[in-house]
Amino acid sequence: MIEVTIKIHQGFQKYLPAGYTAKDFKRSIPEGSTVEYLLIDQIGLPKDVPKLMIVNGIHAKPSHVLSHEDRVAVFLPMAGG
């Protein structure tokens, strides 16, 4: 198992696991887990909602394999103009 820290930003907070009230929390997941597995299968974010995923400050694809002590942040994409 590895441990990662997740930061859920505005718009996704309603999907926080039961008992979590803070934006940042830690989660233990199996080695070899991807960002998609963490966000969709473990946390329960909807697959069909667009997401901007950041791992250790760098944009990540859903297939990115996580490592112990990675920091994952998820945002709703925004448009500007």
PDB file of N, CA and C in Angstrom:
ATOM      1  N   MET A   1       0.846  -1.186   0.000  1.00  0.00           N
ATOM      2  CA  MET A   1       0.000   0.000   0.000  1.00  0.00           C
ATOM      3  C   MET A   1       0.890   1.247   0.000  1.00  0.00           C
ATOM      4  N   ILE A   2       0.380   2.269  -0.655  1.00  0.00           N
ATOM      5  CA  ILE A   2       1.043   3.568  -0.625  1.00  0.00           C
ATOM      6  C   ILE A   2       0.062   4.576  -0.049  1.00  0.00           C
ATOM      7  N   GLU A   3       0.584   5.696   0.434  1.00  0.00           N
ATOM      8  CA  GLU A   3      -0.274   6.744   0.975  1.00  0.00           C
ATOM      9  C   GLU A   3      -0.101   7.998   0.138  1.00  0.00           C
ATOM     10  N   VAL A   4      -1.220   8.595  -0.254  1.00  0.00           N
ATOM     11  CA  VAL A   4      -1.199   9.841  -1.017  1.00  0.00           C
ATOM     12  C   VAL A   4      -2.056  10.873  -0.293  1.00  0.00           C
ATOM     13  N   THR A   5      -1.778  12.138  -0.562  1.00  0.00           N
ATOM     14  CA  THR A   5      -2.575  13.230  -0.021  1.00  0.00           C
ATOM     15  C   THR A   5      -3.414  13.800  -1.149  1.00  0.00           C
ATOM     16  N   ILE A   6      -4.687  14.009  -0.884  1.00  0.00           N
ATOM     17  CA  ILE A   6      -5.611  14.508  -1.889  1.00  0.00           C
ATOM     18  C   ILE A   6      -6.155  15.854  -1.447  1.00  0.00           C
ATOM     19  N   LYS A   7      -6.235  16.776  -2.388  1.00  0.00           N
ATOM     20  CA  LYS A   7      -6.867  18.076  -2.141  1.00  0.00           C
ATOM     21  C   LYS A   7      -8.006  18.217  -3.134  1.00  0.00           C
ATOM     22  N   ILE A   8      -9.213  18.289  -2.603  1.00  0.00           N
ATOM     23  CA  ILE A   8     -10.410  18.445  -3.421  1.00  0.00           C
ATOM     24  C   ILE A   8     -10.783  19.924  -3.412  1.00  0.00           C
ATOM     25  N   HIS A   9     -10.841  20.525  -4.584  1.00  0.00           N
ATOM     26  CA  HIS A   9     -11.167  21.945  -4.672  1.00  0.00           C
ATOM     27  C   HIS A   9     -12.652  22.158  -4.931  1.00  0.00           C
ATOM     28  N   GLN A  10     -13.050  23.410  -4.814  1.00  0.00           N
ATOM     29  CA  GLN A  10     -14.449  23.827  -4.962  1.00  0.00           C
ATOM     30  C   GLN A  10     -15.134  23.096  -6.121  1.00  0.00           C
ATOM     31  N   GLY A  11     -16.332  22.684  -5.920  1.00  0.00           N
ATOM     32  CA  GLY A  11     -17.098  21.991  -6.940  1.00  0.00           C
ATOM     33  C   GLY A  11     -17.111  20.484  -6.762  1.00  0.00           C
ATOM     34  N   PHE A  12     -16.050  19.950  -6.184  1.00  0.00           N
ATOM     35  CA  PHE A  12     -15.976  18.501  -5.953  1.00  0.00           C
ATOM     36  C   PHE A  12     -16.114  18.151  -4.477  1.00  0.00           C
ATOM     37  N   GLN A  13     -16.175  19.148  -3.616  1.00  0.00           N
ATOM     38  CA  GLN A  13     -16.200  18.881  -2.179  1.00  0.00           C
ATOM     39  C   GLN A  13     -17.396  18.046  -1.743  1.00  0.00           C
ATOM     40  N   LYS A  14     -18.493  18.118  -2.488  1.00  0.00           N
ATOM     41  CA  LYS A  14     -19.674  17.329  -2.115  1.00  0.00           C
ATOM     42  C   LYS A  14     -19.432  15.827  -2.265  1.00  0.00           C
ATOM     43  N   TYR A  15     -18.347  15.456  -2.932  1.00  0.00           N
ATOM     44  CA  TYR A  15     -18.024  14.046  -3.138  1.00  0.00           C
ATOM     45  C   TYR A  15     -17.027  13.506  -2.117  1.00  0.00           C
ATOM     46  N   LEU A  16     -16.636  14.312  -1.139  1.00  0.00           N
ATOM     47  CA  LEU A  16     -15.691  13.833  -0.124  1.00  0.00           C
ATOM     48  C   LEU A  16     -16.241  12.592   0.569  1.00  0.00           C
ATOM     49  N   PRO A  17     -15.374  11.632   0.870  1.00  0.00           N
ATOM     50  CA  PRO A  17     -15.822  10.440   1.591  1.00  0.00           C
ATOM     51  C   PRO A  17     -16.442  10.802   2.938  1.00  0.00           C
ATOM     52  N   ALA A  18     -17.366   9.994   3.406  1.00  0.00           N
ATOM     53  CA  ALA A  18     -18.019  10.222   4.694  1.00  0.00           C
ATOM     54  C   ALA A  18     -16.977  10.402   5.791  1.00  0.00           C
ATOM     55  N   GLY A  19     -17.202  11.387   6.629  1.00  0.00           N
ATOM     56  CA  GLY A  19     -16.297  11.644   7.740  1.00  0.00           C
ATOM     57  C   GLY A  19     -15.186  12.624   7.424  1.00  0.00           C
ATOM     58  N   TYR A  20     -14.997  12.998   6.167  1.00  0.00           N
ATOM     59  CA  TYR A  20     -13.968  13.961   5.796  1.00  0.00           C
ATOM     60  C   TYR A  20     -14.600  15.336   5.658  1.00  0.00           C
ATOM     61  N   THR A  21     -14.063  16.298   6.386  1.00  0.00           N
ATOM     62  CA  THR A  21     -14.595  17.649   6.303  1.00  0.00           C
ATOM     63  C   THR A  21     -13.559  18.633   5.765  1.00  0.00           C
ATOM     64  N   ALA A  22     -12.290  18.276   5.816  1.00  0.00           N
ATOM     65  CA  ALA A  22     -11.226  19.154   5.333  1.00  0.00           C
ATOM     66  C   ALA A  22     -11.025  18.952   3.836  1.00  0.00           C
ATOM     67  N   LYS A  23     -10.401  19.919   3.200  1.00  0.00           N
ATOM     68  CA  LYS A  23     -10.103  19.793   1.779  1.00  0.00           C
ATOM     69  C   LYS A  23      -8.952  18.817   1.541  1.00  0.00           C
ATOM     70  N   ASP A  24      -7.991  18.766   2.451  1.00  0.00           N
ATOM     71  CA  ASP A  24      -6.844  17.862   2.303  1.00  0.00           C
ATOM     72  C   ASP A  24      -7.048  16.633   3.188  1.00  0.00           C
ATOM     73  N   PHE A  25      -6.795  15.465   2.622  1.00  0.00           N
ATOM     74  CA  PHE A  25      -6.838  14.264   3.435  1.00  0.00           C
ATOM     75  C   PHE A  25      -5.931  13.218   2.809  1.00  0.00           C
ATOM     76  N   LYS A  26      -5.562  12.235   3.597  1.00  0.00           N
ATOM     77  CA  LYS A  26      -4.680  11.157   3.140  1.00  0.00           C
ATOM     78  C   LYS A  26      -5.511   9.914   2.861  1.00  0.00           C
ATOM     79  N   ARG A  27      -5.005   9.121   1.938  1.00  0.00           N
ATOM     80  CA  ARG A  27      -5.698   7.881   1.584  1.00  0.00           C
ATOM     81  C   ARG A  27      -4.653   6.821   1.281  1.00  0.00           C
ATOM     82  N   SER A  28      -4.833   5.620   1.784  1.00  0.00           N
ATOM     83  CA  SER A  28      -3.976   4.479   1.448  1.00  0.00           C
ATOM     84  C   SER A  28      -4.613   3.742   0.286  1.00  0.00           C
ATOM     85  N   ILE A  29      -3.802   3.470  -0.736  1.00  0.00           N
ATOM     86  CA  ILE A  29      -4.278   2.773  -1.933  1.00  0.00           C
ATOM     87  C   ILE A  29      -3.231   1.737  -2.338  1.00  0.00           C
ATOM     88  N   PRO A  30      -3.638   0.754  -3.125  1.00  0.00           N
ATOM     89  CA  PRO A  30      -2.669  -0.264  -3.549  1.00  0.00           C
ATOM     90  C   PRO A  30      -1.573   0.315  -4.443  1.00  0.00           C
ATOM     91  N   GLU A  31      -0.375  -0.234  -4.332  1.00  0.00           N
ATOM     92  CA  GLU A  31       0.719   0.140  -5.243  1.00  0.00           C
ATOM     93  C   GLU A  31       0.265  -0.091  -6.667  1.00  0.00           C
ATOM     94  N   GLY A  32       0.677   0.793  -7.576  1.00  0.00           N
ATOM     95  CA  GLY A  32       0.298   0.674  -8.975  1.00  0.00           C
ATOM     96  C   GLY A  32      -1.021   1.355  -9.311  1.00  0.00           C
ATOM     97  N   SER A  33      -1.646   2.002  -8.322  1.00  0.00           N
ATOM     98  CA  SER A  33      -2.919   2.686  -8.561  1.00  0.00           C
ATOM     99  C   SER A  33      -2.724   3.932  -9.416  1.00  0.00           C
ATOM    100  N   THR A  34      -3.727   4.207 -10.239  1.00  0.00           N
ATOM    101  CA  THR A  34      -3.692   5.386 -11.101  1.00  0.00           C
ATOM    102  C   THR A  34      -4.501   6.528 -10.473  1.00  0.00           C
ATOM    103  N   VAL A  35      -4.330   7.706 -11.043  1.00  0.00           N
ATOM    104  CA  VAL A  35      -5.114   8.860 -10.604  1.00  0.00           C
ATOM    105  C   VAL A  35      -6.604   8.555 -10.785  1.00  0.00           C
ATOM    106  N   GLU A  36      -6.962   7.960 -11.910  1.00  0.00           N
ATOM    107  CA  GLU A  36      -8.366   7.629 -12.169  1.00  0.00           C
ATOM    108  C   GLU A  36      -8.921   6.682 -11.100  1.00  0.00           C
ATOM    109  N   TYR A  37      -8.167   5.656 -10.739  1.00  0.00           N
ATOM    110  CA  TYR A  37      -8.602   4.717  -9.700  1.00  0.00           C
ATOM    111  C   TYR A  37      -8.841   5.462  -8.386  1.00  0.00           C
ATOM    112  N   LEU A  38      -7.906   6.332  -8.018  1.00  0.00           N
ATOM    113  CA  LEU A  38      -8.033   7.084  -6.772  1.00  0.00           C
ATOM    114  C   LEU A  38      -9.277   7.963  -6.783  1.00  0.00           C
ATOM    115  N   LEU A  39      -9.436   8.771  -7.816  1.00  0.00           N
ATOM    116  CA  LEU A  39     -10.511   9.755  -7.830  1.00  0.00           C
ATOM    117  C   LEU A  39     -11.890   9.157  -8.073  1.00  0.00           C
ATOM    118  N   ILE A  40     -11.972   8.163  -8.921  1.00  0.00           N
ATOM    119  CA  ILE A  40     -13.281   7.612  -9.271  1.00  0.00           C
ATOM    120  C   ILE A  40     -13.652   6.419  -8.394  1.00  0.00           C
ATOM    121  N   ASP A  41     -12.760   5.435  -8.304  1.00  0.00           N
ATOM    122  CA  ASP A  41     -13.089   4.213  -7.559  1.00  0.00           C
ATOM    123  C   ASP A  41     -12.972   4.370  -6.049  1.00  0.00           C
ATOM    124  N   GLN A  42     -12.012   5.145  -5.581  1.00  0.00           N
ATOM    125  CA  GLN A  42     -11.810   5.291  -4.143  1.00  0.00           C
ATOM    126  C   GLN A  42     -12.597   6.455  -3.532  1.00  0.00           C
ATOM    127  N   ILE A  43     -12.616   7.591  -4.214  1.00  0.00           N
ATOM    128  CA  ILE A  43     -13.269   8.770  -3.648  1.00  0.00           C
ATOM    129  C   ILE A  43     -14.702   8.917  -4.140  1.00  0.00           C
ATOM    130  N   GLY A  44     -14.966   8.462  -5.345  1.00  0.00           N
ATOM    131  CA  GLY A  44     -16.329   8.506  -5.853  1.00  0.00           C
ATOM    132  C   GLY A  44     -16.667   9.711  -6.710  1.00  0.00           C
ATOM    133  N   LEU A  45     -15.647  10.391  -7.247  1.00  0.00           N
ATOM    134  CA  LEU A  45     -15.952  11.486  -8.157  1.00  0.00           C
ATOM    135  C   LEU A  45     -16.584  10.917  -9.420  1.00  0.00           C
ATOM    136  N   PRO A  46     -17.547  11.616  -9.991  1.00  0.00           N
ATOM    137  CA  PRO A  46     -18.194  11.090 -11.197  1.00  0.00           C
ATOM    138  C   PRO A  46     -17.235  11.073 -12.382  1.00  0.00           C
ATOM    139  N   LYS A  47     -17.256   9.983 -13.122  1.00  0.00           N
ATOM    140  CA  LYS A  47     -16.342   9.817 -14.259  1.00  0.00           C
ATOM    141  C   LYS A  47     -16.648  10.794 -15.379  1.00  0.00           C
ATOM    142  N   ASP A  48     -17.918  11.139 -15.550  1.00  0.00           N
ATOM    143  CA  ASP A  48     -18.330  11.963 -16.680  1.00  0.00           C
ATOM    144  C   ASP A  48     -18.182  13.472 -16.456  1.00  0.00           C
ATOM    145  N   VAL A  49     -17.765  13.904 -15.278  1.00  0.00           N
ATOM    146  CA  VAL A  49     -17.560  15.331 -15.007  1.00  0.00           C
ATOM    147  C   VAL A  49     -16.109  15.684 -15.324  1.00  0.00           C
ATOM    148  N   PRO A  50     -15.875  16.732 -16.144  1.00  0.00           N
ATOM    149  CA  PRO A  50     -14.492  17.119 -16.469  1.00  0.00           C
ATOM    150  C   PRO A  50     -13.698  17.463 -15.206  1.00  0.00           C
ATOM    151  N   LYS A  51     -12.423  17.085 -15.224  1.00  0.00           N
ATOM    152  CA  LYS A  51     -11.542  17.327 -14.075  1.00  0.00           C
ATOM    153  C   LYS A  51     -10.170  17.775 -14.561  1.00  0.00           C
ATOM    154  N   LEU A  52      -9.559  18.669 -13.811  1.00  0.00           N
ATOM    155  CA  LEU A  52      -8.162  19.023 -14.017  1.00  0.00           C
ATOM    156  C   LEU A  52      -7.419  18.348 -12.876  1.00  0.00           C
ATOM    157  N   MET A  53      -6.508  17.423 -13.211  1.00  0.00           N
ATOM    158  CA  MET A  53      -5.807  16.634 -12.201  1.00  0.00           C
ATOM    159  C   MET A  53      -4.341  17.035 -12.158  1.00  0.00           C
ATOM    160  N   ILE A  54      -3.864  17.307 -10.958  1.00  0.00           N
ATOM    161  CA  ILE A  54      -2.490  17.738 -10.737  1.00  0.00           C
ATOM    162  C   ILE A  54      -1.837  16.769  -9.752  1.00  0.00           C
ATOM    163  N   VAL A  55      -0.647  16.270 -10.098  1.00  0.00           N
ATOM    164  CA  VAL A  55       0.107  15.407  -9.188  1.00  0.00           C
ATOM    165  C   VAL A  55       1.460  16.074  -8.943  1.00  0.00           C
ATOM    166  N   ASN A  56       1.723  16.398  -7.694  1.00  0.00           N
ATOM    167  CA  ASN A  56       2.974  17.059  -7.306  1.00  0.00           C
ATOM    168  C   ASN A  56       3.233  18.316  -8.126  1.00  0.00           C
ATOM    169  N   GLY A  57       2.162  19.075  -8.384  1.00  0.00           N
ATOM    170  CA  GLY A  57       2.292  20.351  -9.086  1.00  0.00           C
ATOM    171  C   GLY A  57       2.326  20.266 -10.600  1.00  0.00           C
ATOM    172  N   ILE A  58       2.163  19.072 -11.171  1.00  0.00           N
ATOM    173  CA  ILE A  58       2.239  18.884 -12.621  1.00  0.00           C
ATOM    174  C   ILE A  58       0.948  18.247 -13.121  1.00  0.00           C
ATOM    175  N   HIS A  59       0.426  18.780 -14.241  1.00  0.00           N
ATOM    176  CA  HIS A  59      -0.793  18.221 -14.839  1.00  0.00           C
ATOM    177  C   HIS A  59      -0.605  16.728 -15.083  1.00  0.00           C
ATOM    178  N   ALA A  60      -1.616  15.934 -14.741  1.00  0.00           N
ATOM    179  CA  ALA A  60      -1.516  14.481 -14.881  1.00  0.00           C
ATOM    180  C   ALA A  60      -2.716  13.930 -15.642  1.00  0.00           C
ATOM    181  N   LYS A  61      -2.474  12.862 -16.371  1.00  0.00           N
ATOM    182  CA  LYS A  61      -3.540  12.142 -17.069  1.00  0.00           C
ATOM    183  C   LYS A  61      -4.170  11.145 -16.100  1.00  0.00           C
ATOM    184  N   PRO A  62      -5.393  10.695 -16.395  1.00  0.00           N
ATOM    185  CA  PRO A  62      -6.026   9.698 -15.526  1.00  0.00           C
ATOM    186  C   PRO A  62      -5.208   8.420 -15.371  1.00  0.00           C
ATOM    187  N   SER A  63      -4.404   8.096 -16.368  1.00  0.00           N
ATOM    188  CA  SER A  63      -3.620   6.858 -16.343  1.00  0.00           C
ATOM    189  C   SER A  63      -2.299   6.986 -15.576  1.00  0.00           C
ATOM    190  N   HIS A  64      -1.999   8.169 -15.045  1.00  0.00           N
ATOM    191  CA  HIS A  64      -0.754   8.384 -14.296  1.00  0.00           C
ATOM    192  C   HIS A  64      -0.717   7.467 -13.071  1.00  0.00           C
ATOM    193  N   VAL A  65       0.360   6.700 -12.921  1.00  0.00           N
ATOM    194  CA  VAL A  65       0.516   5.799 -11.782  1.00  0.00           C
ATOM    195  C   VAL A  65       1.090   6.588 -10.604  1.00  0.00           C
ATOM    196  N   LEU A  66       0.422   6.472  -9.476  1.00  0.00           N
ATOM    197  CA  LEU A  66       0.804   7.230  -8.283  1.00  0.00           C
ATOM    198  C   LEU A  66       1.907   6.523  -7.497  1.00  0.00           C
ATOM    199  N   SER A  67       2.696   7.337  -6.790  1.00  0.00           N
ATOM    200  CA  SER A  67       3.768   6.834  -5.929  1.00  0.00           C
ATOM    201  C   SER A  67       3.496   7.248  -4.485  1.00  0.00           C
ATOM    202  N   HIS A  68       4.161   6.575  -3.559  1.00  0.00           N
ATOM    203  CA  HIS A  68       4.016   6.880  -2.140  1.00  0.00           C
ATOM    204  C   HIS A  68       4.318   8.355  -1.885  1.00  0.00           C
ATOM    205  N   GLU A  69       3.439   8.995  -1.112  1.00  0.00           N
ATOM    206  CA  GLU A  69       3.538  10.393  -0.692  1.00  0.00           C
ATOM    207  C   GLU A  69       3.297  11.403  -1.814  1.00  0.00           C
ATOM    208  N   ASP A  70       2.719  10.973  -2.941  1.00  0.00           N
ATOM    209  CA  ASP A  70       2.316  11.936  -3.964  1.00  0.00           C
ATOM    210  C   ASP A  70       1.215  12.826  -3.400  1.00  0.00           C
ATOM    211  N   ARG A  71       1.145  14.050  -3.959  1.00  0.00           N
ATOM    212  CA  ARG A  71       0.094  15.001  -3.611  1.00  0.00           C
ATOM    213  C   ARG A  71      -0.774  15.189  -4.849  1.00  0.00           C
ATOM    214  N   VAL A  72      -2.052  14.862  -4.730  1.00  0.00           N
ATOM    215  CA  VAL A  72      -2.987  14.932  -5.849  1.00  0.00           C
ATOM    216  C   VAL A  72      -3.988  16.049  -5.573  1.00  0.00           C
ATOM    217  N   ALA A  73      -4.188  16.907  -6.556  1.00  0.00           N
ATOM    218  CA  ALA A  73      -5.198  17.956  -6.459  1.00  0.00           C
ATOM    219  C   ALA A  73      -6.140  17.812  -7.646  1.00  0.00           C
ATOM    220  N   VAL A  74      -7.412  18.066  -7.411  1.00  0.00           N
ATOM    221  CA  VAL A  74      -8.394  17.981  -8.489  1.00  0.00           C
ATOM    222  C   VAL A  74      -9.242  19.253  -8.487  1.00  0.00           C
ATOM    223  N   PHE A  75      -9.401  19.820  -9.690  1.00  0.00           N
ATOM    224  CA  PHE A  75     -10.140  21.059  -9.877  1.00  0.00           C
ATOM    225  C   PHE A  75     -11.190  20.869 -10.970  1.00  0.00           C
ATOM    226  N   LEU A  76     -12.233  21.680 -10.929  1.00  0.00           N
ATOM    227  CA  LEU A  76     -13.132  21.809 -12.071  1.00  0.00           C
ATOM    228  C   LEU A  76     -12.444  22.729 -13.067  1.00  0.00           C
ATOM    229  N   PRO A  77     -12.400  22.369 -14.353  1.00  0.00           N
ATOM    230  CA  PRO A  77     -11.811  23.274 -15.342  1.00  0.00           C
ATOM    231  C   PRO A  77     -12.636  24.565 -15.428  1.00  0.00           C
ATOM    232  N   MET A  78     -11.950  25.661 -15.671  1.00  0.00           N
ATOM    233  CA  MET A  78     -12.626  26.950 -15.802  1.00  0.00           C
ATOM    234  C   MET A  78     -12.334  27.555 -17.157  1.00  0.00           C
ATOM    235  N   ALA A  79     -13.281  28.306 -17.645  1.00  0.00           N
ATOM    236  CA  ALA A  79     -13.084  29.043 -18.881  1.00  0.00           C
ATOM    237  C   ALA A  79     -13.034  30.521 -18.543  1.00  0.00           C
ATOM    238  N   GLY A  80     -12.234  31.234 -19.253  1.00  0.00           N
ATOM    239  CA  GLY A  80     -12.120  32.668 -19.028  1.00  0.00           C
ATOM    240  C   GLY A  80     -12.323  33.419 -20.328  1.00  0.00           C
ATOM    241  N   GLY A  81     -12.339  34.688 -20.212  1.00  0.00           N
ATOM    242  CA  GLY A  81     -12.514  35.427 -21.456  1.00  0.00           C
ATOM    243  C   GLY A  81     -12.472  36.901 -21.242  1.00  0.00           C
TER     244      GLY A  81
END
